[in-house]
């Protein structure tokens, strides 16, 4: 039987590592269930969920050209389409958010302490990156000035 992406198979856990479990499939091939594919919730220690010799149902999620087979236990479980695994929410809700860019005409928005108890304006990624870049360049130039003054300026002899 050919192993195809999307097929569900029964397998036997043959080995456990700190990053996943090796599962022997019916045709004798071995695939890896990565630790992130063992359960719907966070798995700190895979030994809490699996043991060598366990029979598990797995879903083939990847077959690489070099013969490596990626498996998933959590995707092999049948669940209704409306049910989602617990954990972090997927994506952001559409609409309903505050407009980006800010409160005052011609300005980039208010970024300090809020007036009247409101929440401060959220900075965009680009704003945060430009602020980080400016701070980083300022720190580097200060560090260079301090280092050069300790050496006696440019071209000072080292001895």
Protein backbone atom coordinates (compact mmCIF):
# COMPACT_ATOMS: atom_id res chain seq x y z
CA UNK A 1 0.00 0.00 0.00
CA UNK A 2 1.45 3.36 -1.05
CA UNK A 3 1.71 6.03 1.61
CA UNK A 4 -0.04 9.19 0.43
CA UNK A 5 -0.51 12.58 2.06
CA UNK A 6 -3.89 12.71 3.77
CA UNK A 7 -4.26 8.97 4.42
CA UNK A 8 -4.96 7.68 7.92
CA UNK A 9 -3.08 4.62 9.12
CA UNK A 10 -2.56 2.55 12.25
CA UNK A 11 0.99 2.44 13.53
CA UNK A 12 3.12 1.38 16.45
CA UNK A 13 5.38 3.74 18.41
CA UNK A 14 8.92 2.38 18.07
CA UNK A 15 10.94 5.20 19.57
CA UNK A 16 10.57 8.45 21.47
CA UNK A 17 12.88 11.46 21.39
CA UNK A 18 12.60 14.93 22.92
CA UNK A 19 11.31 16.28 19.57
CA UNK A 20 8.81 13.57 18.62
CA UNK A 21 7.98 9.90 18.24
CA UNK A 22 8.88 7.41 15.54
CA UNK A 23 5.94 5.32 14.35
CA UNK A 24 6.23 2.11 12.32
CA UNK A 25 3.56 1.99 9.61
CA UNK A 26 1.87 -1.17 8.26
CA UNK A 27 4.22 -1.54 5.25
CA UNK A 28 7.31 -1.49 7.48
CA UNK A 29 8.25 2.13 6.83
CA UNK A 30 8.82 4.50 9.73
CA UNK A 31 7.53 8.06 10.04
CA UNK A 32 7.97 10.82 12.59
CA UNK A 33 5.23 12.46 14.63
CA UNK A 34 6.69 15.82 15.65
CA UNK A 35 5.98 16.82 19.25
CA UNK A 36 3.74 19.66 17.97
CA UNK A 37 1.55 17.09 16.20
CA UNK A 38 0.91 14.82 19.21
CA UNK A 39 -1.94 16.68 20.91
CA UNK A 40 -4.13 19.77 20.54
CA UNK A 41 -2.63 21.37 23.63
CA UNK A 42 0.99 22.19 24.49
CA UNK A 43 3.17 19.10 24.96
CA UNK A 44 6.12 19.71 27.27
CA UNK A 45 7.08 16.04 27.70
CA UNK A 46 6.05 13.60 24.97
CA UNK A 47 6.32 10.72 27.45
CA UNK A 48 3.16 12.05 29.14
CA UNK A 49 1.24 11.20 25.95
CA UNK A 50 3.02 8.26 24.31
CA UNK A 51 5.05 5.18 25.21
CA UNK A 52 7.08 2.77 23.08
CA UNK A 53 4.75 0.01 21.88
CA UNK A 54 1.56 2.12 21.82
CA UNK A 55 -0.78 1.60 18.88
CA UNK A 56 -1.77 4.98 17.41
CA UNK A 57 -3.82 6.27 14.53
CA UNK A 58 -1.81 8.75 12.45
CA UNK A 59 -2.46 10.91 9.43
CA UNK A 60 0.22 11.35 6.78
CA UNK A 61 0.89 15.08 6.45
CA UNK A 62 4.12 15.02 4.47
CA UNK A 63 6.13 12.64 2.28
CA UNK A 64 9.52 13.98 1.19
CA UNK A 65 11.58 12.87 -1.79
CA UNK A 66 14.26 11.37 0.44
CA UNK A 67 11.70 9.01 2.02
CA UNK A 68 10.99 10.93 5.23
CA UNK A 69 7.36 10.68 6.30
CA UNK A 70 5.73 13.37 8.46
CA UNK A 71 2.84 12.14 10.60
CA UNK A 72 0.23 13.72 12.88
CA UNK A 73 -1.78 12.17 15.67
CA UNK A 74 -3.91 15.24 16.38
CA UNK A 75 -4.98 15.61 12.73
CA UNK A 76 -5.97 11.94 12.60
CA UNK A 77 -8.71 12.51 15.18
CA UNK A 78 -12.16 12.97 13.67
CA UNK A 79 -13.84 16.10 14.98
CA UNK A 80 -16.69 18.26 13.74
CA UNK A 81 -15.72 21.04 11.35
CA UNK A 82 -16.96 23.74 13.75
CA UNK A 83 -14.83 22.53 16.66
CA UNK A 84 -11.39 24.09 16.95
CA UNK A 85 -8.52 22.93 19.14
CA UNK A 86 -8.10 24.84 22.37
CA UNK A 87 -5.21 27.21 22.67
CA UNK A 88 -4.47 30.43 20.89
CA UNK A 89 -7.23 31.93 18.75
CA UNK A 90 -6.65 31.75 15.03
CA UNK A 91 -6.23 35.16 13.39
CA UNK A 92 -7.89 38.43 14.36
CA UNK A 93 -11.56 39.27 14.30
CA UNK A 94 -12.48 41.23 11.17
CA UNK A 95 -13.48 44.90 11.46
CA UNK A 96 -14.32 46.49 14.77
CA UNK A 97 -10.77 47.67 15.50
CA UNK A 98 -9.48 51.20 15.88
CA UNK A 99 -8.22 52.97 12.77
CA UNK A 100 -4.43 53.07 12.53
CA UNK A 101 -2.53 56.29 12.18
CA UNK A 102 -4.13 58.39 14.73
CA UNK A 103 -6.08 61.11 16.30
CA UNK A 104 -4.78 64.54 15.25
CA UNK A 105 -4.98 65.90 11.72
CA UNK A 106 -1.60 65.87 10.04
CA UNK A 107 -0.01 64.02 12.94
CA UNK A 108 1.06 60.44 13.36
CA UNK A 109 -1.31 59.82 16.23
CA UNK A 110 -0.95 60.25 19.95
CA UNK A 111 1.65 57.89 21.36
CA UNK A 112 2.06 59.07 24.95
CA UNK A 113 -0.03 58.72 28.06
CA UNK A 114 -3.73 58.73 27.26
CA UNK A 115 -5.90 61.71 28.14
CA UNK A 116 -9.13 61.01 29.97
CA UNK A 117 -8.28 57.42 30.89
CA UNK A 118 -8.32 55.98 27.35
CA UNK A 119 -5.79 53.50 25.99
CA UNK A 120 -2.65 54.67 24.16
CA UNK A 121 -2.59 54.43 20.37
CA UNK A 122 -1.10 51.19 19.04
CA UNK A 123 2.09 51.69 17.02
CA UNK A 124 2.36 50.03 13.64
CA UNK A 125 5.17 47.59 12.92
CA UNK A 126 6.91 50.12 10.67
CA UNK A 127 6.79 52.76 13.43
CA UNK A 128 8.27 50.33 15.94
CA UNK A 129 11.03 49.30 13.51
CA UNK A 130 12.00 52.90 12.66
CA UNK A 131 12.06 53.77 16.37
CA UNK A 132 14.22 50.70 17.08
CA UNK A 133 16.58 51.56 14.23
CA UNK A 134 16.99 55.16 15.44
CA UNK A 135 17.62 54.02 19.05
CA UNK A 136 20.09 51.40 17.86
CA UNK A 137 22.04 53.88 15.72
CA UNK A 138 22.13 56.37 18.63
CA UNK A 139 23.49 53.71 20.97
CA UNK A 140 26.10 52.57 18.45
CA UNK A 141 27.36 56.11 17.83
CA UNK A 142 27.57 56.76 21.60
CA UNK A 143 29.47 53.51 22.10
CA UNK A 144 31.91 54.35 19.28
CA UNK A 145 32.57 57.81 20.73
CA UNK A 146 33.27 56.35 24.16
CA UNK A 147 35.58 53.67 22.78
CA UNK A 148 37.55 56.15 20.65
CA UNK A 149 38.03 58.55 23.58
CA UNK A 150 39.45 55.74 25.74
CA UNK A 151 41.96 54.86 23.00
CA UNK A 152 42.94 58.47 22.47
CA UNK A 153 41.04 59.04 19.25
CA UNK A 154 41.49 57.59 15.83
CA UNK A 155 44.86 56.25 14.87
CA UNK A 156 46.07 55.95 18.44
CA UNK A 157 48.88 53.49 19.01
CA UNK A 158 48.11 50.29 20.78
CA UNK A 159 50.79 49.06 23.01
